[in-house]
Protein backbone atom coordinates (compact mmCIF):
# COMPACT_ATOMS: atom_id res chain seq x y z
CA MET A 1 -8.11 3.45 19.48
CA ALA A 2 -7.76 4.39 15.77
CA LYS A 3 -9.54 2.48 13.33
CA GLU A 4 -8.72 -0.32 11.71
CA TYR A 5 -10.15 -1.21 8.55
CA TRP A 6 -12.89 0.49 6.44
CA THR A 7 -15.70 -0.47 4.22
CA LEU A 8 -15.90 0.01 0.54
CA SER A 9 -18.68 2.62 1.19
CA GLU A 10 -16.66 4.66 3.57
CA VAL A 11 -13.33 4.38 1.13
CA ILE A 12 -15.87 5.77 -1.74
CA GLU A 13 -16.60 8.56 0.72
CA ILE A 14 -13.26 9.27 2.11
CA PHE A 15 -11.49 9.61 -1.37
CA GLN A 16 -14.57 10.64 -3.85
CA MET A 17 -13.57 7.82 -5.76
CA ASP A 18 -16.16 5.53 -8.09
CA GLU A 19 -16.59 2.01 -7.31
CA GLY A 20 -15.40 0.84 -10.95
CA THR A 21 -12.16 2.59 -10.12
CA ILE A 22 -11.73 0.92 -6.95
CA SER A 23 -12.56 -2.45 -8.60
CA TYR A 24 -10.05 -1.91 -11.39
CA LEU A 25 -7.38 -1.14 -8.83
CA GLU A 26 -8.23 -4.51 -6.74
CA GLU A 27 -8.62 -6.57 -10.01
CA GLU A 28 -4.89 -5.49 -11.00
CA GLU A 29 -3.96 -6.12 -7.46
CA ILE A 30 -2.77 -2.56 -6.98
CA VAL A 31 -4.84 -2.52 -3.88
CA CYS A 32 -6.06 -5.62 -1.77
CA PRO A 33 -8.92 -5.19 0.79
CA GLU A 34 -9.42 -8.42 3.29
CA CYS A 35 -12.23 -10.11 3.73
CA PHE A 36 -12.93 -11.91 7.03
CA ASP A 37 -15.03 -15.10 7.62
CA GLU A 38 -17.36 -13.25 10.20
CA GLN A 39 -17.94 -10.12 7.58
CA PRO A 40 -18.67 -10.56 4.17
CA ALA A 41 -18.12 -7.42 3.33
CA LYS A 42 -14.13 -6.39 1.94
CA ARG A 43 -12.41 -4.12 4.18
CA PHE A 44 -9.51 -1.85 3.63
CA SER A 45 -6.75 -1.41 6.08
CA SER A 46 -4.61 1.77 6.79
CA ILE A 47 -1.97 0.66 4.36
CA GLU A 48 -4.50 0.08 1.43
CA LEU A 49 -5.79 3.46 2.62
CA GLU A 50 -2.34 5.06 2.32
CA LYS A 51 -2.03 3.31 -1.33
CA LEU A 52 -5.36 4.78 -2.38
CA ARG A 53 -4.54 8.17 -1.16
CA LEU A 54 -1.23 7.91 -3.15
CA ILE A 55 -3.18 6.83 -6.18
CA LYS A 56 -5.53 9.68 -6.00
CA VAL A 57 -2.95 12.38 -5.73
CA LEU A 58 -0.80 10.71 -8.73
CA MET A 59 -3.97 10.67 -10.90
CA GLU A 60 -5.80 14.10 -9.98
CA ASP A 61 -2.75 16.48 -8.93
CA MET A 62 -0.05 14.67 -11.41
CA ASP A 63 -2.39 13.57 -14.02
CA VAL A 64 -0.67 9.96 -14.07
CA ASN A 65 -2.99 7.31 -15.98
CA LEU A 66 -4.17 3.98 -14.07
CA PRO A 67 -1.18 2.05 -16.15
CA GLY A 68 1.09 4.61 -14.71
CA VAL A 69 0.09 4.51 -11.34
CA GLU A 70 0.26 0.75 -11.17
CA VAL A 71 3.80 1.06 -12.29
CA ILE A 72 4.81 3.72 -9.81
CA LEU A 73 3.35 1.83 -7.00
CA ARG A 74 4.81 -1.44 -7.80
CA MET A 75 8.32 0.62 -8.09
CA ARG A 76 7.55 2.33 -4.63
CA GLU A 77 7.12 -1.29 -3.11
CA ASN A 78 10.06 -2.54 -4.56
CA MET A 79 12.08 0.11 -3.55
CA ILE A 80 10.60 -0.59 -0.21
CA GLN A 81 11.53 -4.06 -0.18
CA MET A 82 15.10 -3.27 -1.33
CA ARG A 83 15.45 -0.58 1.41
CA ARG A 84 14.49 -3.40 4.10
CA GLN A 85 16.93 -5.69 2.70
CA PHE A 86 19.54 -3.18 2.93
CA ASP A 87 18.70 -2.28 6.52
CA ALA A 88 18.85 -6.14 7.46
CA ILE A 89 22.28 -6.26 5.68
CA LEU A 90 23.57 -3.40 7.49
CA GLU A 91 22.40 -4.51 10.73
CA ASP A 92 24.12 -8.15 10.09
CA LEU A 93 27.16 -6.12 9.40
CA ALA A 94 26.97 -4.06 12.42
CA GLY A 95 26.48 -7.00 14.75
CA GLN A 96 29.38 -8.75 12.95
CA VAL A 97 31.66 -5.86 13.65
CA LYS A 98 30.66 -5.66 17.28
CA GLU A 99 31.43 -9.26 17.69
CA SER A 100 34.84 -8.92 15.89
CA MET A 101 35.98 -5.74 18.42
CA LYS A 102 34.97 -8.21 21.35
């Protein structure tokens, strides 16, 4: 079974990011670790790890600053949401066409 959550120290080690950068990303709500009642430490899901991977690529490979990263990630999320809405509309339309052909 694949791991579901990673600790802050694991994330720091995986991405070689400093804790301050991760804290800034969290404060700006760019990444959102989860807290569990039984474990006081924050845990990062695979979705948040994917965001951090993208952040690292944008910052190191494309020389994008943190405010730019924030804009790109928010635009990306908006595009994903719009795609989901578009897919739902297409599914509904396909259902209506199927019904009308009966």
